[in-house]
Amino acid sequence: MEALIVSVIIFTLATFLGVELINRVPTTLHTPLMSGANAISGITIAGALIVAGGEHGWISTVLGFLAVVFAMVNVVGGYAVTDRMLQMFKRKPEQK
């Protein structure tokens, strides 16, 4: 039970720290940082799949599933934002 309480405290602190860090990043740096976040989320997905399928009990299965879902949302959103940014730099066809 003590390990669960410590884990919840660490998770809560990490959440607050992550929100503060993201809020302090200038807007011009969000898209370049998104590429790095996509790579990290790929690692998160792999770890979450291991946890979800690890037969450690139903709680770890549910939390692992939620981690997979949230990491996939992050990856898909990151690629969508990056693609949209790259579309802004493409040359427009000349109008006749």
N, C-alpha and C. Protein backbone atom coordinates (compact mmCIF):
# COMPACT_ATOMS: atom_id res chain seq x y z
N MET A 1 0.82 -1.19 0.00
CA MET A 1 0.00 0.00 0.00
C MET A 1 0.87 1.26 0.00
N GLU A 2 1.97 1.20 0.72
CA GLU A 2 2.88 2.35 0.78
C GLU A 2 3.47 2.65 -0.59
N ALA A 3 3.80 1.61 -1.34
CA ALA A 3 4.35 1.81 -2.69
C ALA A 3 3.33 2.48 -3.60
N LEU A 4 2.05 2.14 -3.44
CA LEU A 4 1.00 2.77 -4.25
C LEU A 4 0.90 4.26 -3.94
N ILE A 5 0.96 4.61 -2.67
CA ILE A 5 0.88 6.02 -2.27
C ILE A 5 2.06 6.80 -2.83
N VAL A 6 3.26 6.24 -2.73
CA VAL A 6 4.45 6.89 -3.26
C VAL A 6 4.34 7.05 -4.77
N SER A 7 3.83 6.03 -5.45
CA SER A 7 3.67 6.10 -6.90
C SER A 7 2.67 7.18 -7.30
N VAL A 8 1.57 7.30 -6.57
CA VAL A 8 0.57 8.33 -6.87
C VAL A 8 1.15 9.72 -6.63
N ILE A 9 1.93 9.89 -5.58
CA ILE A 9 2.57 11.18 -5.31
C ILE A 9 3.54 11.54 -6.42
N ILE A 10 4.36 10.60 -6.84
CA ILE A 10 5.31 10.85 -7.93
C ILE A 10 4.58 11.19 -9.22
N PHE A 11 3.52 10.46 -9.52
CA PHE A 11 2.73 10.73 -10.72
C PHE A 11 2.13 12.14 -10.67
N THR A 12 1.60 12.53 -9.53
CA THR A 12 1.00 13.85 -9.38
C THR A 12 2.05 14.95 -9.56
N LEU A 13 3.19 14.79 -8.93
CA LEU A 13 4.26 15.78 -9.08
C LEU A 13 4.75 15.87 -10.52
N ALA A 14 4.89 14.72 -11.17
CA ALA A 14 5.33 14.71 -12.57
C ALA A 14 4.30 15.40 -13.47
N THR A 15 3.03 15.23 -13.18
CA THR A 15 1.98 15.88 -13.96
C THR A 15 2.08 17.39 -13.83
N PHE A 16 2.19 17.89 -12.60
CA PHE A 16 2.31 19.33 -12.39
C PHE A 16 3.58 19.89 -13.03
N LEU A 17 4.67 19.17 -12.91
CA LEU A 17 5.92 19.61 -13.52
C LEU A 17 5.80 19.66 -15.03
N GLY A 18 5.20 18.64 -15.64
CA GLY A 18 5.02 18.62 -17.09
C GLY A 18 4.17 19.77 -17.58
N VAL A 19 3.09 20.07 -16.88
CA VAL A 19 2.22 21.18 -17.27
C VAL A 19 2.98 22.50 -17.19
N GLU A 20 3.74 22.70 -16.13
CA GLU A 20 4.50 23.94 -15.97
C GLU A 20 5.57 24.07 -17.06
N LEU A 21 6.25 22.99 -17.38
CA LEU A 21 7.29 23.04 -18.42
C LEU A 21 6.69 23.38 -19.78
N ILE A 22 5.59 22.75 -20.12
CA ILE A 22 4.98 22.99 -21.42
C ILE A 22 4.44 24.42 -21.52
N ASN A 23 3.90 24.93 -20.43
CA ASN A 23 3.38 26.30 -20.46
C ASN A 23 4.48 27.34 -20.60
N ARG A 24 5.69 27.02 -20.23
CA ARG A 24 6.79 27.99 -20.30
C ARG A 24 7.59 27.91 -21.61
N VAL A 25 7.26 26.97 -22.48
CA VAL A 25 7.96 26.85 -23.76
C VAL A 25 7.37 27.87 -24.74
N PRO A 26 8.23 28.67 -25.40
CA PRO A 26 7.71 29.63 -26.38
C PRO A 26 7.00 28.91 -27.53
N THR A 27 6.02 29.59 -28.11
CA THR A 27 5.20 29.01 -29.18
C THR A 27 6.04 28.57 -30.37
N THR A 28 7.09 29.30 -30.69
CA THR A 28 7.91 28.96 -31.86
C THR A 28 8.68 27.65 -31.68
N LEU A 29 8.82 27.20 -30.46
CA LEU A 29 9.55 25.95 -30.22
C LEU A 29 8.65 24.74 -30.08
N HIS A 30 7.34 24.93 -30.07
CA HIS A 30 6.44 23.80 -29.84
C HIS A 30 6.57 22.72 -30.91
N THR A 31 6.60 23.11 -32.20
CA THR A 31 6.63 22.10 -33.25
C THR A 31 7.95 21.34 -33.29
N PRO A 32 9.11 21.98 -33.18
CA PRO A 32 10.34 21.19 -33.14
C PRO A 32 10.40 20.25 -31.93
N LEU A 33 9.87 20.70 -30.82
CA LEU A 33 9.86 19.82 -29.64
C LEU A 33 8.88 18.67 -29.80
N MET A 34 7.85 18.86 -30.65
CA MET A 34 6.86 17.82 -30.87
C MET A 34 7.50 16.60 -31.51
N SER A 35 8.49 16.79 -32.37
CA SER A 35 9.16 15.66 -33.00
C SER A 35 9.86 14.80 -31.95
N GLY A 36 10.52 15.46 -31.01
CA GLY A 36 11.16 14.72 -29.92
C GLY A 36 10.14 14.04 -29.03
N ALA A 37 9.02 14.70 -28.80
CA ALA A 37 7.96 14.11 -27.98
C ALA A 37 7.37 12.88 -28.65
N ASN A 38 7.29 12.90 -29.99
CA ASN A 38 6.78 11.72 -30.70
C ASN A 38 7.70 10.52 -30.49
N ALA A 39 9.00 10.75 -30.52
CA ALA A 39 9.94 9.65 -30.30
C ALA A 39 9.82 9.11 -28.87
N ILE A 40 9.69 10.00 -27.92
CA ILE A 40 9.53 9.57 -26.53
C ILE A 40 8.21 8.83 -26.34
N SER A 41 7.16 9.30 -27.01
CA SER A 41 5.87 8.63 -26.90
C SER A 41 5.91 7.23 -27.51
N GLY A 42 6.73 7.05 -28.53
CA GLY A 42 6.90 5.70 -29.07
C GLY A 42 7.48 4.76 -28.04
N ILE A 43 8.43 5.24 -27.27
CA ILE A 43 9.01 4.43 -26.19
C ILE A 43 7.95 4.18 -25.12
N THR A 44 7.16 5.20 -24.83
CA THR A 44 6.09 5.05 -23.85
C THR A 44 5.08 3.99 -24.29
N ILE A 45 4.75 3.97 -25.56
CA ILE A 45 3.81 2.98 -26.08
C ILE A 45 4.36 1.57 -25.89
N ALA A 46 5.64 1.39 -26.19
CA ALA A 46 6.24 0.07 -26.02
C ALA A 46 6.20 -0.36 -24.54
N GLY A 47 6.56 0.54 -23.64
CA GLY A 47 6.51 0.21 -22.21
C GLY A 47 5.10 -0.05 -21.73
N ALA A 48 4.14 0.74 -22.21
CA ALA A 48 2.75 0.56 -21.80
C ALA A 48 2.19 -0.77 -22.29
N LEU A 49 2.58 -1.17 -23.49
CA LEU A 49 2.14 -2.48 -23.99
C LEU A 49 2.69 -3.61 -23.13
N ILE A 50 3.93 -3.46 -22.70
CA ILE A 50 4.53 -4.49 -21.83
C ILE A 50 3.78 -4.56 -20.50
N VAL A 51 3.47 -3.39 -19.94
CA VAL A 51 2.75 -3.35 -18.66
C VAL A 51 1.33 -3.89 -18.82
N ALA A 52 0.65 -3.49 -19.90
CA ALA A 52 -0.74 -3.91 -20.10
C ALA A 52 -0.85 -5.42 -20.30
N GLY A 53 0.13 -6.03 -20.93
CA GLY A 53 0.07 -7.46 -21.19
C GLY A 53 0.90 -8.30 -20.24
N GLY A 54 1.35 -7.70 -19.15
CA GLY A 54 2.28 -8.39 -18.26
C GLY A 54 1.67 -9.28 -17.20
N GLU A 55 0.35 -9.43 -17.19
CA GLU A 55 -0.31 -10.30 -16.20
C GLU A 55 0.07 -9.94 -14.77
N HIS A 56 0.05 -8.62 -14.47
CA HIS A 56 0.37 -8.16 -13.12
C HIS A 56 -0.89 -7.82 -12.34
N GLY A 57 -2.03 -8.11 -12.88
CA GLY A 57 -3.30 -7.79 -12.24
C GLY A 57 -4.11 -6.86 -13.11
N TRP A 58 -5.36 -6.69 -12.75
CA TRP A 58 -6.26 -5.91 -13.58
C TRP A 58 -5.95 -4.42 -13.54
N ILE A 59 -5.42 -3.94 -12.42
CA ILE A 59 -5.10 -2.51 -12.32
C ILE A 59 -3.99 -2.14 -13.30
N SER A 60 -2.96 -2.96 -13.35
CA SER A 60 -1.87 -2.65 -14.28
C SER A 60 -2.32 -2.81 -15.73
N THR A 61 -3.24 -3.71 -15.98
CA THR A 61 -3.76 -3.85 -17.34
C THR A 61 -4.54 -2.61 -17.75
N VAL A 62 -5.38 -2.10 -16.85
CA VAL A 62 -6.17 -0.90 -17.15
C VAL A 62 -5.26 0.31 -17.31
N LEU A 63 -4.31 0.48 -16.38
CA LEU A 63 -3.40 1.63 -16.46
C LEU A 63 -2.51 1.53 -17.70
N GLY A 64 -2.08 0.34 -18.04
CA GLY A 64 -1.28 0.15 -19.25
C GLY A 64 -2.07 0.48 -20.50
N PHE A 65 -3.35 0.07 -20.53
CA PHE A 65 -4.21 0.40 -21.66
C PHE A 65 -4.39 1.90 -21.79
N LEU A 66 -4.65 2.58 -20.66
CA LEU A 66 -4.80 4.03 -20.69
C LEU A 66 -3.52 4.72 -21.15
N ALA A 67 -2.37 4.19 -20.73
CA ALA A 67 -1.10 4.76 -21.16
C ALA A 67 -0.92 4.60 -22.67
N VAL A 68 -1.32 3.47 -23.21
CA VAL A 68 -1.23 3.26 -24.66
C VAL A 68 -2.14 4.26 -25.38
N VAL A 69 -3.36 4.44 -24.89
CA VAL A 69 -4.31 5.35 -25.54
C VAL A 69 -3.78 6.78 -25.52
N PHE A 70 -3.33 7.25 -24.35
CA PHE A 70 -2.85 8.64 -24.24
C PHE A 70 -1.58 8.85 -25.06
N ALA A 71 -0.68 7.89 -25.08
CA ALA A 71 0.54 8.03 -25.87
C ALA A 71 0.22 8.04 -27.37
N MET A 72 -0.75 7.23 -27.79
CA MET A 72 -1.14 7.22 -29.20
C MET A 72 -1.79 8.55 -29.60
N VAL A 73 -2.59 9.12 -28.71
CA VAL A 73 -3.18 10.43 -28.99
C VAL A 73 -2.06 11.46 -29.16
N ASN A 74 -1.04 11.37 -28.32
CA ASN A 74 0.09 12.30 -28.41
C ASN A 74 0.85 12.12 -29.72
N VAL A 75 1.09 10.89 -30.12
CA VAL A 75 1.83 10.63 -31.36
C VAL A 75 1.03 11.10 -32.57
N VAL A 76 -0.24 10.74 -32.65
CA VAL A 76 -1.06 11.13 -33.80
C VAL A 76 -1.20 12.65 -33.85
N GLY A 77 -1.46 13.27 -32.71
CA GLY A 77 -1.56 14.72 -32.69
C GLY A 77 -0.26 15.40 -33.07
N GLY A 78 0.85 14.84 -32.62
CA GLY A 78 2.15 15.40 -32.96
C GLY A 78 2.44 15.34 -34.44
N TYR A 79 2.11 14.20 -35.04
CA TYR A 79 2.32 14.09 -36.49
C TYR A 79 1.38 15.01 -37.25
N ALA A 80 0.16 15.18 -36.78
CA ALA A 80 -0.78 16.08 -37.46
C ALA A 80 -0.29 17.53 -37.40
N VAL A 81 0.20 17.94 -36.22
CA VAL A 81 0.72 19.31 -36.08
C VAL A 81 1.96 19.50 -36.94
N THR A 82 2.86 18.52 -36.93
CA THR A 82 4.08 18.62 -37.73
C THR A 82 3.74 18.69 -39.22
N ASP A 83 2.78 17.85 -39.67
CA ASP A 83 2.38 17.87 -41.07
C ASP A 83 1.77 19.21 -41.44
N ARG A 84 0.96 19.75 -40.56
CA ARG A 84 0.35 21.06 -40.84
C ARG A 84 1.41 22.15 -40.93
N MET A 85 2.41 22.08 -40.06
CA MET A 85 3.48 23.07 -40.11
C MET A 85 4.26 22.94 -41.42
N LEU A 86 4.55 21.72 -41.84
CA LEU A 86 5.30 21.53 -43.09
C LEU A 86 4.50 21.99 -44.30
N GLN A 87 3.17 21.87 -44.25
CA GLN A 87 2.33 22.36 -45.35
C GLN A 87 2.46 23.87 -45.52
N MET A 88 2.72 24.57 -44.43
CA MET A 88 2.87 26.02 -44.50
C MET A 88 4.11 26.43 -45.29
N PHE A 89 5.12 25.57 -45.34
CA PHE A 89 6.36 25.91 -46.01
C PHE A 89 6.41 25.44 -47.45
N LYS A 90 5.41 24.71 -47.91
CA LYS A 90 5.39 24.27 -49.31
C LYS A 90 5.06 25.43 -50.21
N ARG A 91 5.66 25.40 -51.41
CA ARG A 91 5.35 26.44 -52.39
C ARG A 91 3.97 26.21 -52.94
N LYS A 92 3.28 27.31 -53.10
CA LYS A 92 1.94 27.23 -53.67
C LYS A 92 2.07 27.23 -55.18
N PRO A 93 1.21 26.47 -55.87
CA PRO A 93 1.26 26.46 -57.35
C PRO A 93 0.94 27.84 -57.89
N GLU A 94 1.65 28.19 -58.93
CA GLU A 94 1.43 29.50 -59.54
C GLU A 94 0.07 29.56 -60.20
N GLN A 95 -0.61 30.64 -59.97
CA GLN A 95 -1.93 30.81 -60.58
C GLN A 95 -1.79 31.46 -61.94
N LYS A 96 -2.60 31.03 -62.90
CA LYS A 96 -2.55 31.57 -64.27
C LYS A 96 -3.73 32.44 -64.53
